[in-house]
Structure formats: C-alpha cells, structure tokens
Amino acid sequence: MGADSFIEYLRGLAGKTLYTLDYKRPFTFESLIGNQVIITTSRGNPRSINLENTISAYKHLLFKGELTRTEIMTHYSNFNPAYVAAILAGLDYVDFTLRPIRLFLVSK
C-alpha cells in the first residue's frame, strides 16, 4: 500500500471509534482536513495530528517492518503517539505487542 492508498484508508476511518492499544481508551477518527488528522479523545477534546508525520510513520513501518511507540513519539508525533499507533494497528497487515508497544508487519 502506497501513501495514496494509506490516505484512502485514513479517509475510510472517518466517524469510526478506535481504541488506544494499551489502555483501550476510545477515540473518534473525525476526518482529514488539509494536512491534519482530526480526532476526538475519550474526554471529548478535539486533537489534530500532522498528516505528513503520520504518513512518515507508516512508511517507516513498511520499510523497517516494525515501529515502536517510542519511535513514533521521538520521530513522528511527540504528543499523539498512542493515537498514531492505534491508527496504524488497524491496518489488516499490521499486528502489535504491548509493553513495549511495537507494531510489525504480518502476512494475512
């Protein structure tokens, strides 16, 4: 899946409830607006996540075959790594482990 297909995947999440991987906190994926992924947290607070950084995290996962929450926080989304990890974990060919949170590619 290339960047364009990944963006289509993100658009398909609009209005859906997702859950953070470790604490299972719900959040709603609202939409893509410009260069932002808009979500609403479990407390009802809107948040925006940089789309380009989310795509970069996705590309890292594809290239390396794995991506940790720490890498997401350090390189791609300092304030929203739990949400980025949950979004990426929703892909059919991605699985994850907890403690530490690590996403990895699987064949399905």
PDB file of N, CA and C in Angstrom:
ATOM      1  N   MET A   1       0.856  -1.174   0.000  1.00  0.00           N
ATOM      2  CA  MET A   1       0.000   0.000   0.000  1.00  0.00           C
ATOM      3  C   MET A   1       0.905   1.241   0.000  1.00  0.00           C
ATOM      4  N   GLY A   2       0.698   2.108  -0.971  1.00  0.00           N
ATOM      5  CA  GLY A   2       1.451   3.350  -1.040  1.00  0.00           C
ATOM      6  C   GLY A   2       0.799   4.447  -0.211  1.00  0.00           C
ATOM      7  N   ALA A   3       1.398   5.631  -0.271  1.00  0.00           N
ATOM      8  CA  ALA A   3       0.890   6.762   0.513  1.00  0.00           C
ATOM      9  C   ALA A   3      -0.541   7.113   0.116  1.00  0.00           C
ATOM     10  N   ASP A   4      -0.860   7.076  -1.184  1.00  0.00           N
ATOM     11  CA  ASP A   4      -2.222   7.404  -1.624  1.00  0.00           C
ATOM     12  C   ASP A   4      -3.237   6.407  -1.073  1.00  0.00           C
ATOM     13  N   SER A   5      -2.897   5.128  -1.095  1.00  0.00           N
ATOM     14  CA  SER A   5      -3.790   4.115  -0.542  1.00  0.00           C
ATOM     15  C   SER A   5      -3.935   4.277   0.970  1.00  0.00           C
ATOM     16  N   PHE A   6      -2.841   4.656   1.629  1.00  0.00           N
ATOM     17  CA  PHE A   6      -2.899   4.889   3.070  1.00  0.00           C
ATOM     18  C   PHE A   6      -3.824   6.057   3.382  1.00  0.00           C
ATOM     19  N   ILE A   7      -3.764   7.104   2.586  1.00  0.00           N
ATOM     20  CA  ILE A   7      -4.663   8.245   2.788  1.00  0.00           C
ATOM     21  C   ILE A   7      -6.113   7.812   2.594  1.00  0.00           C
ATOM     22  N   GLU A   8      -6.366   6.962   1.623  1.00  0.00           N
ATOM     23  CA  GLU A   8      -7.730   6.445   1.424  1.00  0.00           C
ATOM     24  C   GLU A   8      -8.169   5.617   2.629  1.00  0.00           C
ATOM     25  N   TYR A   9      -7.250   4.825   3.179  1.00  0.00           N
ATOM     26  CA  TYR A   9      -7.541   4.078   4.410  1.00  0.00           C
ATOM     27  C   TYR A   9      -7.943   5.046   5.515  1.00  0.00           C
ATOM     28  N   LEU A  10      -7.176   6.130   5.660  1.00  0.00           N
ATOM     29  CA  LEU A  10      -7.492   7.122   6.688  1.00  0.00           C
ATOM     30  C   LEU A  10      -8.858   7.747   6.451  1.00  0.00           C
ATOM     31  N   ARG A  11      -9.159   8.099   5.221  1.00  0.00           N
ATOM     32  CA  ARG A  11     -10.480   8.674   4.919  1.00  0.00           C
ATOM     33  C   ARG A  11     -11.600   7.705   5.279  1.00  0.00           C
ATOM     34  N   GLY A  12     -11.338   6.429   5.105  1.00  0.00           N
ATOM     35  CA  GLY A  12     -12.331   5.405   5.441  1.00  0.00           C
ATOM     36  C   GLY A  12     -12.578   5.270   6.937  1.00  0.00           C
ATOM     37  N   LEU A  13     -11.692   5.817   7.733  1.00  0.00           N
ATOM     38  CA  LEU A  13     -11.864   5.761   9.188  1.00  0.00           C
ATOM     39  C   LEU A  13     -12.785   6.859   9.719  1.00  0.00           C
ATOM     40  N   ALA A  14     -13.151   7.803   8.885  1.00  0.00           N
ATOM     41  CA  ALA A  14     -13.966   8.944   9.323  1.00  0.00           C
ATOM     42  C   ALA A  14     -15.223   8.470  10.041  1.00  0.00           C
ATOM     43  N   GLY A  15     -15.415   9.001  11.244  1.00  0.00           N
ATOM     44  CA  GLY A  15     -16.587   8.679  12.043  1.00  0.00           C
ATOM     45  C   GLY A  15     -16.465   7.411  12.866  1.00  0.00           C
ATOM     46  N   LYS A  16     -15.373   6.687  12.734  1.00  0.00           N
ATOM     47  CA  LYS A  16     -15.215   5.418  13.449  1.00  0.00           C
ATOM     48  C   LYS A  16     -14.551   5.628  14.810  1.00  0.00           C
ATOM     49  N   THR A  17     -14.929   4.754  15.733  1.00  0.00           N
ATOM     50  CA  THR A  17     -14.299   4.739  17.045  1.00  0.00           C
ATOM     51  C   THR A  17     -13.155   3.746  17.015  1.00  0.00           C
ATOM     52  N   LEU A  18     -11.983   4.212  17.431  1.00  0.00           N
ATOM     53  CA  LEU A  18     -10.798   3.374  17.563  1.00  0.00           C
ATOM     54  C   LEU A  18     -10.408   3.350  19.029  1.00  0.00           C
ATOM     55  N   TYR A  19      -9.464   2.494  19.376  1.00  0.00           N
ATOM     56  CA  TYR A  19      -9.046   2.358  20.763  1.00  0.00           C
ATOM     57  C   TYR A  19      -7.528   2.365  20.851  1.00  0.00           C
ATOM     58  N   THR A  20      -7.011   3.076  21.853  1.00  0.00           N
ATOM     59  CA  THR A  20      -5.570   3.032  22.060  1.00  0.00           C
ATOM     60  C   THR A  20      -5.197   1.595  22.412  1.00  0.00           C
ATOM     61  N   LEU A  21      -3.985   1.211  22.084  1.00  0.00           N
ATOM     62  CA  LEU A  21      -3.605  -0.191  22.178  1.00  0.00           C
ATOM     63  C   LEU A  21      -3.455  -0.680  23.615  1.00  0.00           C
ATOM     64  N   ASP A  22      -2.822   0.089  24.458  1.00  0.00           N
ATOM     65  CA  ASP A  22      -2.522  -0.379  25.801  1.00  0.00           C
ATOM     66  C   ASP A  22      -3.693  -0.188  26.760  1.00  0.00           C
ATOM     67  N   TYR A  23      -4.213   1.013  26.834  1.00  0.00           N
ATOM     68  CA  TYR A  23      -5.275   1.304  27.802  1.00  0.00           C
ATOM     69  C   TYR A  23      -6.687   1.191  27.230  1.00  0.00           C
ATOM     70  N   LYS A  24      -6.785   0.894  25.955  1.00  0.00           N
ATOM     71  CA  LYS A  24      -8.094   0.698  25.292  1.00  0.00           C
ATOM     72  C   LYS A  24      -9.012   1.900  25.433  1.00  0.00           C
ATOM     73  N   ARG A  25      -8.434   3.098  25.451  1.00  0.00           N
ATOM     74  CA  ARG A  25      -9.257   4.309  25.530  1.00  0.00           C
ATOM     75  C   ARG A  25      -9.842   4.598  24.158  1.00  0.00           C
ATOM     76  N   PRO A  26     -11.152   4.830  24.088  1.00  0.00           N
ATOM     77  CA  PRO A  26     -11.772   5.118  22.798  1.00  0.00           C
ATOM     78  C   PRO A  26     -11.448   6.533  22.323  1.00  0.00           C
ATOM     79  N   PHE A  27     -11.361   6.665  21.029  1.00  0.00           N
ATOM     80  CA  PHE A  27     -11.273   7.979  20.393  1.00  0.00           C
ATOM     81  C   PHE A  27     -11.949   7.866  19.043  1.00  0.00           C
ATOM     82  N   THR A  28     -12.459   8.980  18.573  1.00  0.00           N
ATOM     83  CA  THR A  28     -13.152   9.005  17.293  1.00  0.00           C
ATOM     84  C   THR A  28     -12.256   9.634  16.246  1.00  0.00           C
ATOM     85  N   PHE A  29     -12.111   8.939  15.140  1.00  0.00           N
ATOM     86  CA  PHE A  29     -11.399   9.484  13.995  1.00  0.00           C
ATOM     87  C   PHE A  29     -12.427  10.337  13.260  1.00  0.00           C
ATOM     88  N   GLU A  30     -12.244  11.634  13.292  1.00  0.00           N
ATOM     89  CA  GLU A  30     -13.237  12.535  12.707  1.00  0.00           C
ATOM     90  C   GLU A  30     -13.053  12.689  11.197  1.00  0.00           C
ATOM     91  N   SER A  31     -11.871  13.155  10.775  1.00  0.00           N
ATOM     92  CA  SER A  31     -11.677  13.424   9.348  1.00  0.00           C
ATOM     93  C   SER A  31     -10.232  13.818   9.065  1.00  0.00           C
ATOM     94  N   LEU A  32      -9.971  13.978   7.786  1.00  0.00           N
ATOM     95  CA  LEU A  32      -8.736  14.604   7.317  1.00  0.00           C
ATOM     96  C   LEU A  32      -9.110  15.991   6.852  1.00  0.00           C
ATOM     97  N   ILE A  33      -8.424  16.991   7.369  1.00  0.00           N
ATOM     98  CA  ILE A  33      -8.653  18.367   6.934  1.00  0.00           C
ATOM     99  C   ILE A  33      -7.291  18.958   6.612  1.00  0.00           C
ATOM    100  N   GLY A  34      -7.074  19.239   5.349  1.00  0.00           N
ATOM    101  CA  GLY A  34      -5.778  19.760   4.929  1.00  0.00           C
ATOM    102  C   GLY A  34      -4.686  18.777   5.273  1.00  0.00           C
ATOM    103  N   ASN A  35      -3.704  19.204   6.041  1.00  0.00           N
ATOM    104  CA  ASN A  35      -2.587  18.360   6.435  1.00  0.00           C
ATOM    105  C   ASN A  35      -2.751  17.861   7.869  1.00  0.00           C
ATOM    106  N   GLN A  36      -3.998  17.703   8.308  1.00  0.00           N
ATOM    107  CA  GLN A  36      -4.252  17.288   9.683  1.00  0.00           C
ATOM    108  C   GLN A  36      -5.225  16.109   9.742  1.00  0.00           C
ATOM    109  N   VAL A  37      -4.923  15.185  10.625  1.00  0.00           N
ATOM    110  CA  VAL A  37      -5.849  14.124  11.005  1.00  0.00           C
ATOM    111  C   VAL A  37      -6.565  14.661  12.237  1.00  0.00           C
ATOM    112  N   ILE A  38      -7.883  14.719  12.192  1.00  0.00           N
ATOM    113  CA  ILE A  38      -8.658  15.254  13.310  1.00  0.00           C
ATOM    114  C   ILE A  38      -9.309  14.092  14.059  1.00  0.00           C
ATOM    115  N   ILE A  39      -9.051  14.048  15.363  1.00  0.00           N
ATOM    116  CA  ILE A  39      -9.666  13.039  16.218  1.00  0.00           C
ATOM    117  C   ILE A  39     -10.340  13.737  17.396  1.00  0.00           C
ATOM    118  N   THR A  40     -11.204  12.997  18.081  1.00  0.00           N
ATOM    119  CA  THR A  40     -11.786  13.452  19.342  1.00  0.00           C
ATOM    120  C   THR A  40     -11.431  12.419  20.391  1.00  0.00           C
ATOM    121  N   THR A  41     -10.799  12.856  21.469  1.00  0.00           N
ATOM    122  CA  THR A  41     -10.358  11.933  22.512  1.00  0.00           C
ATOM    123  C   THR A  41     -11.535  11.410  23.321  1.00  0.00           C
ATOM    124  N   SER A  42     -11.246  10.468  24.213  1.00  0.00           N
ATOM    125  CA  SER A  42     -12.298   9.888  25.060  1.00  0.00           C
ATOM    126  C   SER A  42     -12.914  10.927  25.997  1.00  0.00           C
ATOM    127  N   ARG A  43     -12.225  12.018  26.215  1.00  0.00           N
ATOM    128  CA  ARG A  43     -12.757  13.096  27.062  1.00  0.00           C
ATOM    129  C   ARG A  43     -13.481  14.162  26.243  1.00  0.00           C
ATOM    130  N   GLY A  44     -13.623  13.921  24.947  1.00  0.00           N
ATOM    131  CA  GLY A  44     -14.341  14.859  24.098  1.00  0.00           C
ATOM    132  C   GLY A  44     -13.510  16.003  23.571  1.00  0.00           C
ATOM    133  N   ASN A  45     -12.204  15.939  23.762  1.00  0.00           N
ATOM    134  CA  ASN A  45     -11.320  17.010  23.291  1.00  0.00           C
ATOM    135  C   ASN A  45     -10.873  16.762  21.852  1.00  0.00           C
ATOM    136  N   PRO A  46     -11.039  17.750  20.990  1.00  0.00           N
ATOM    137  CA  PRO A  46     -10.532  17.583  19.624  1.00  0.00           C
ATOM    138  C   PRO A  46      -9.009  17.692  19.608  1.00  0.00           C
ATOM    139  N   ARG A  47      -8.385  16.908  18.756  1.00  0.00           N
ATOM    140  CA  ARG A  47      -6.930  16.960  18.572  1.00  0.00           C
ATOM    141  C   ARG A  47      -6.636  16.862  17.094  1.00  0.00           C
ATOM    142  N   SER A  48      -5.555  17.496  16.705  1.00  0.00           N
ATOM    143  CA  SER A  48      -5.107  17.341  15.324  1.00  0.00           C
ATOM    144  C   SER A  48      -3.722  16.722  15.340  1.00  0.00           C
ATOM    145  N   ILE A  49      -3.512  15.827  14.400  1.00  0.00           N
ATOM    146  CA  ILE A  49      -2.250  15.113  14.243  1.00  0.00           C
ATOM    147  C   ILE A  49      -1.759  15.412  12.835  1.00  0.00           C
ATOM    148  N   ASN A  50      -0.505  15.760  12.715  1.00  0.00           N
ATOM    149  CA  ASN A  50       0.063  16.091  11.420  1.00  0.00           C
ATOM    150  C   ASN A  50      -0.011  14.891  10.472  1.00  0.00           C
ATOM    151  N   LEU A  51      -0.661  15.081   9.330  1.00  0.00           N
ATOM    152  CA  LEU A  51      -0.834  14.002   8.355  1.00  0.00           C
ATOM    153  C   LEU A  51       0.500  13.540   7.788  1.00  0.00           C
ATOM    154  N   GLU A  52       1.371  14.469   7.429  1.00  0.00           N
ATOM    155  CA  GLU A  52       2.658  14.087   6.837  1.00  0.00           C
ATOM    156  C   GLU A  52       3.479  13.242   7.805  1.00  0.00           C
ATOM    157  N   ASN A  53       3.445  13.585   9.080  1.00  0.00           N
ATOM    158  CA  ASN A  53       4.174  12.789  10.071  1.00  0.00           C
ATOM    159  C   ASN A  53       3.556  11.405  10.233  1.00  0.00           C
ATOM    160  N   THR A  54       2.238  11.322  10.128  1.00  0.00           N
ATOM    161  CA  THR A  54       1.554  10.032  10.205  1.00  0.00           C
ATOM    162  C   THR A  54       1.946   9.171   9.007  1.00  0.00           C
ATOM    163  N   ILE A  55       1.997   9.781   7.828  1.00  0.00           N
ATOM    164  CA  ILE A  55       2.431   9.059   6.630  1.00  0.00           C
ATOM    165  C   ILE A  55       3.887   8.618   6.770  1.00  0.00           C
ATOM    166  N   SER A  56       4.727   9.468   7.339  1.00  0.00           N
ATOM    167  CA  SER A  56       6.136   9.107   7.546  1.00  0.00           C
ATOM    168  C   SER A  56       6.262   7.918   8.503  1.00  0.00           C
ATOM    169  N   ALA A  57       5.449   7.886   9.548  1.00  0.00           N
ATOM    170  CA  ALA A  57       5.458   6.744  10.467  1.00  0.00           C
ATOM    171  C   ALA A  57       5.025   5.482   9.733  1.00  0.00           C
ATOM    172  N   TYR A  58       4.014   5.603   8.901  1.00  0.00           N
ATOM    173  CA  TYR A  58       3.551   4.474   8.089  1.00  0.00           C
ATOM    174  C   TYR A  58       4.664   3.970   7.167  1.00  0.00           C
ATOM    175  N   LYS A  59       5.352   4.879   6.500  1.00  0.00           N
ATOM    176  CA  LYS A  59       6.445   4.488   5.611  1.00  0.00           C
ATOM    177  C   LYS A  59       7.580   3.808   6.380  1.00  0.00           C
ATOM    178  N   HIS A  60       7.869   4.304   7.578  1.00  0.00           N
ATOM    179  CA  HIS A  60       8.881   3.676   8.438  1.00  0.00           C
ATOM    180  C   HIS A  60       8.481   2.229   8.712  1.00  0.00           C
ATOM    181  N   LEU A  61       7.224   2.027   9.075  1.00  0.00           N
ATOM    182  CA  LEU A  61       6.722   0.682   9.350  1.00  0.00           C
ATOM    183  C   LEU A  61       6.875  -0.222   8.131  1.00  0.00           C
ATOM    184  N   LEU A  62       6.534   0.285   6.973  1.00  0.00           N
ATOM    185  CA  LEU A  62       6.662  -0.518   5.756  1.00  0.00           C
ATOM    186  C   LEU A  62       8.118  -0.844   5.450  1.00  0.00           C
ATOM    187  N   PHE A  63       8.986   0.142   5.574  1.00  0.00           N
ATOM    188  CA  PHE A  63      10.392  -0.031   5.216  1.00  0.00           C
ATOM    189  C   PHE A  63      11.133  -0.943   6.184  1.00  0.00           C
ATOM    190  N   LYS A  64      10.933  -0.724   7.482  1.00  0.00           N
ATOM    191  CA  LYS A  64      11.658  -1.486   8.506  1.00  0.00           C
ATOM    192  C   LYS A  64      10.940  -2.769   8.927  1.00  0.00           C
ATOM    193  N   GLY A  65       9.629  -2.825   8.678  1.00  0.00           N
ATOM    194  CA  GLY A  65       8.856  -3.998   9.092  1.00  0.00           C
ATOM    195  C   GLY A  65       8.354  -3.920  10.519  1.00  0.00           C
ATOM    196  N   GLU A  66       8.774  -2.894  11.250  1.00  0.00           N
ATOM    197  CA  GLU A  66       8.299  -2.696  12.614  1.00  0.00           C
ATOM    198  C   GLU A  66       8.480  -1.235  13.006  1.00  0.00           C
ATOM    199  N   LEU A  67       7.744  -0.850  14.041  1.00  0.00           N
ATOM    200  CA  LEU A  67       7.775   0.522  14.535  1.00  0.00           C
ATOM    201  C   LEU A  67       7.322   0.505  15.987  1.00  0.00           C
ATOM    202  N   THR A  68       8.076   1.132  16.859  1.00  0.00           N
ATOM    203  CA  THR A  68       7.694   1.170  18.269  1.00  0.00           C
ATOM    204  C   THR A  68       6.974   2.480  18.596  1.00  0.00           C
ATOM    205  N   ARG A  69       6.243   2.471  19.696  1.00  0.00           N
ATOM    206  CA  ARG A  69       5.576   3.691  20.154  1.00  0.00           C
ATOM    207  C   ARG A  69       6.619   4.756  20.477  1.00  0.00           C
ATOM    208  N   THR A  70       7.735   4.347  21.017  1.00  0.00           N
ATOM    209  CA  THR A  70       8.812   5.289  21.327  1.00  0.00           C
ATOM    210  C   THR A  70       9.331   5.951  20.058  1.00  0.00           C
ATOM    211  N   GLU A  71       9.491   5.183  18.991  1.00  0.00           N
ATOM    212  CA  GLU A  71       9.931   5.764  17.710  1.00  0.00           C
ATOM    213  C   GLU A  71       8.895   6.736  17.173  1.00  0.00           C
ATOM    214  N   ILE A  72       7.615   6.395  17.314  1.00  0.00           N
ATOM    215  CA  ILE A  72       6.555   7.316  16.882  1.00  0.00           C
ATOM    216  C   ILE A  72       6.680   8.619  17.660  1.00  0.00           C
ATOM    217  N   MET A  73       6.831   8.520  18.979  1.00  0.00           N
ATOM    218  CA  MET A  73       6.917   9.712  19.821  1.00  0.00           C
ATOM    219  C   MET A  73       8.176  10.526  19.502  1.00  0.00           C
ATOM    220  N   THR A  74       9.290   9.869  19.304  1.00  0.00           N
ATOM    221  CA  THR A  74      10.557  10.554  19.076  1.00  0.00           C
ATOM    222  C   THR A  74      10.651  11.193  17.696  1.00  0.00           C
ATOM    223  N   HIS A  75      10.154  10.501  16.680  1.00  0.00           N
ATOM    224  CA  HIS A  75      10.385  10.944  15.306  1.00  0.00           C
ATOM    225  C   HIS A  75       9.161  11.486  14.566  1.00  0.00           C
ATOM    226  N   TYR A  76       7.948  11.096  14.987  1.00  0.00           N
ATOM    227  CA  TYR A  76       6.789  11.404  14.155  1.00  0.00           C
ATOM    228  C   TYR A  76       5.662  12.164  14.847  1.00  0.00           C
ATOM    229  N   SER A  77       5.416  11.900  16.104  1.00  0.00           N
ATOM    230  CA  SER A  77       4.282  12.544  16.775  1.00  0.00           C
ATOM    231  C   SER A  77       4.526  12.574  18.276  1.00  0.00           C
ATOM    232  N   ASN A  78       5.184  13.614  18.719  1.00  0.00           N
ATOM    233  CA  ASN A  78       5.570  13.735  20.118  1.00  0.00           C
ATOM    234  C   ASN A  78       4.373  13.702  21.071  1.00  0.00           C
ATOM    235  N   PHE A  79       3.260  14.329  20.696  1.00  0.00           N
ATOM    236  CA  PHE A  79       2.124  14.453  21.607  1.00  0.00           C
ATOM    237  C   PHE A  79       1.014  13.427  21.380  1.00  0.00           C
ATOM    238  N   ASN A  80       1.064  12.685  20.279  1.00  0.00           N
ATOM    239  CA  ASN A  80      -0.039  11.782  19.956  1.00  0.00           C
ATOM    240  C   ASN A  80       0.406  10.374  19.564  1.00  0.00           C
ATOM    241  N   PRO A  81       1.454   9.814  20.146  1.00  0.00           N
ATOM    242  CA  PRO A  81       1.931   8.507  19.674  1.00  0.00           C
ATOM    243  C   PRO A  81       0.920   7.377  19.882  1.00  0.00           C
ATOM    244  N   ALA A  82       0.130   7.439  20.937  1.00  0.00           N
ATOM    245  CA  ALA A  82      -0.854   6.378  21.186  1.00  0.00           C
ATOM    246  C   ALA A  82      -1.906   6.337  20.088  1.00  0.00           C
ATOM    247  N   TYR A  83      -2.303   7.510  19.604  1.00  0.00           N
ATOM    248  CA  TYR A  83      -3.315   7.567  18.547  1.00  0.00           C
ATOM    249  C   TYR A  83      -2.745   7.128  17.205  1.00  0.00           C
ATOM    250  N   VAL A  84      -1.529   7.558  16.903  1.00  0.00           N
ATOM    251  CA  VAL A  84      -0.886   7.140  15.646  1.00  0.00           C
ATOM    252  C   VAL A  84      -0.696   5.628  15.648  1.00  0.00           C
ATOM    253  N   ALA A  85      -0.240   5.073  16.760  1.00  0.00           N
ATOM    254  CA  ALA A  85      -0.054   3.622  16.854  1.00  0.00           C
ATOM    255  C   ALA A  85      -1.379   2.886  16.645  1.00  0.00           C
ATOM    256  N   ALA A  86      -2.444   3.383  17.248  1.00  0.00           N
ATOM    257  CA  ALA A  86      -3.752   2.731  17.100  1.00  0.00           C
ATOM    258  C   ALA A  86      -4.245   2.802  15.660  1.00  0.00           C
ATOM    259  N   ILE A  87      -4.033   3.924  15.003  1.00  0.00           N
ATOM    260  CA  ILE A  87      -4.442   4.075  13.597  1.00  0.00           C
ATOM    261  C   ILE A  87      -3.681   3.089  12.727  1.00  0.00           C
ATOM    262  N   LEU A  88      -2.381   2.991  12.918  1.00  0.00           N
ATOM    263  CA  LEU A  88      -1.570   2.067  12.117  1.00  0.00           C
ATOM    264  C   LEU A  88      -1.901   0.611  12.431  1.00  0.00           C
ATOM    265  N   ALA A  89      -2.200   0.306  13.681  1.00  0.00           N
ATOM    266  CA  ALA A  89      -2.517  -1.067  14.080  1.00  0.00           C
ATOM    267  C   ALA A  89      -3.811  -1.563  13.453  1.00  0.00           C
ATOM    268  N   GLY A  90      -4.645  -0.647  12.982  1.00  0.00           N
ATOM    269  CA  GLY A  90      -5.898  -1.033  12.344  1.00  0.00           C
ATOM    270  C   GLY A  90      -5.743  -1.583  10.940  1.00  0.00           C
ATOM    271  N   LEU A  91      -4.571  -1.434  10.360  1.00  0.00           N
ATOM    272  CA  LEU A  91      -4.326  -1.983   9.026  1.00  0.00           C
ATOM    273  C   LEU A  91      -4.340  -3.511   9.091  1.00  0.00           C
ATOM    274  N   ASP A  92      -4.909  -4.149   8.066  1.00  0.00           N
ATOM    275  CA  ASP A  92      -5.045  -5.606   8.047  1.00  0.00           C
ATOM    276  C   ASP A  92      -3.720  -6.345   8.178  1.00  0.00           C
ATOM    277  N   TYR A  93      -2.658  -5.770   7.731  1.00  0.00           N
ATOM    278  CA  TYR A  93      -1.360  -6.444   7.696  1.00  0.00           C
ATOM    279  C   TYR A  93      -0.410  -5.954   8.791  1.00  0.00           C
ATOM    280  N   VAL A  94      -0.985  -5.371   9.852  1.00  0.00           N
ATOM    281  CA  VAL A  94      -0.186  -4.902  10.986  1.00  0.00           C
ATOM    282  C   VAL A  94      -0.714  -5.561  12.256  1.00  0.00           C
ATOM    283  N   ASP A  95       0.209  -6.047  13.066  1.00  0.00           N
ATOM    284  CA  ASP A  95      -0.134  -6.570  14.381  1.00  0.00           C
ATOM    285  C   ASP A  95       0.737  -5.830  15.398  1.00  0.00           C
ATOM    286  N   PHE A  96       0.531  -6.087  16.661  1.00  0.00           N
ATOM    287  CA  PHE A  96       1.286  -5.344  17.666  1.00  0.00           C
ATOM    288  C   PHE A  96       1.493  -6.171  18.919  1.00  0.00           C
ATOM    289  N   THR A  97       2.475  -5.753  19.689  1.00  0.00           N
ATOM    290  CA  THR A  97       2.698  -6.286  21.026  1.00  0.00           C
ATOM    291  C   THR A  97       2.574  -5.116  22.003  1.00  0.00           C
ATOM    292  N   LEU A  98       2.296  -5.455  23.253  1.00  0.00           N
ATOM    293  CA  LEU A  98       2.222  -4.453  24.317  1.00  0.00           C
ATOM    294  C   LEU A  98       3.444  -4.579  25.221  1.00  0.00           C
ATOM    295  N   ARG A  99       3.812  -3.502  25.843  1.00  0.00           N
ATOM    296  CA  ARG A  99       4.878  -3.441  26.857  1.00  0.00           C
ATOM    297  C   ARG A  99       6.162  -4.080  26.375  1.00  0.00           C
ATOM    298  N   PRO A 100       6.889  -3.496  25.508  1.00  0.00           N
ATOM    299  CA  PRO A 100       6.619  -2.197  24.900  1.00  0.00           C
ATOM    300  C   PRO A 100       5.694  -2.340  23.697  1.00  0.00           C
ATOM    301  N   ILE A 101       5.030  -1.249  23.369  1.00  0.00           N
ATOM    302  CA  ILE A 101       4.172  -1.268  22.179  1.00  0.00           C
ATOM    303  C   ILE A 101       5.084  -1.276  20.957  1.00  0.00           C
ATOM    304  N   ARG A 102       4.867  -2.307  20.139  1.00  0.00           N
ATOM    305  CA  ARG A 102       5.643  -2.468  18.914  1.00  0.00           C
ATOM    306  C   ARG A 102       4.704  -2.953  17.821  1.00  0.00           C
ATOM    307  N   LEU A 103       4.635  -2.206  16.743  1.00  0.00           N
ATOM    308  CA  LEU A 103       3.847  -2.597  15.577  1.00  0.00           C
ATOM    309  C   LEU A 103       4.758  -3.378  14.642  1.00  0.00           C
ATOM    310  N   PHE A 104       4.209  -4.354  13.962  1.00  0.00           N
ATOM    311  CA  PHE A 104       5.006  -5.097  12.999  1.00  0.00           C
ATOM    312  C   PHE A 104       4.118  -5.626  11.874  1.00  0.00           C
ATOM    313  N   LEU A 105       4.738  -5.834  10.719  1.00  0.00           N
ATOM    314  CA  LEU A 105       4.016  -6.317   9.546  1.00  0.00           C
ATOM    315  C   LEU A 105       3.805  -7.812   9.652  1.00  0.00           C
ATOM    316  N   VAL A 106       2.636  -8.255   9.212  1.00  0.00           N
ATOM    317  CA  VAL A 106       2.312  -9.683   9.135  1.00  0.00           C
ATOM    318  C   VAL A 106       1.702  -9.947   7.779  1.00  0.00           C
ATOM    319  N   SER A 107       1.772 -11.178   7.343  1.00  0.00           N
ATOM    320  CA  SER A 107       1.106 -11.544   6.093  1.00  0.00           C
ATOM    321  C   SER A 107      -0.236 -12.153   6.419  1.00  0.00           C
ATOM    322  N   LYS A 108      -1.272 -11.613   5.821  1.00  0.00           N
ATOM    323  CA  LYS A 108      -2.645 -12.112   6.085  1.00  0.00           C
ATOM    324  C   LYS A 108      -3.300 -12.460   4.793  1.00  0.00           C
TER     325      LYS A 108
END
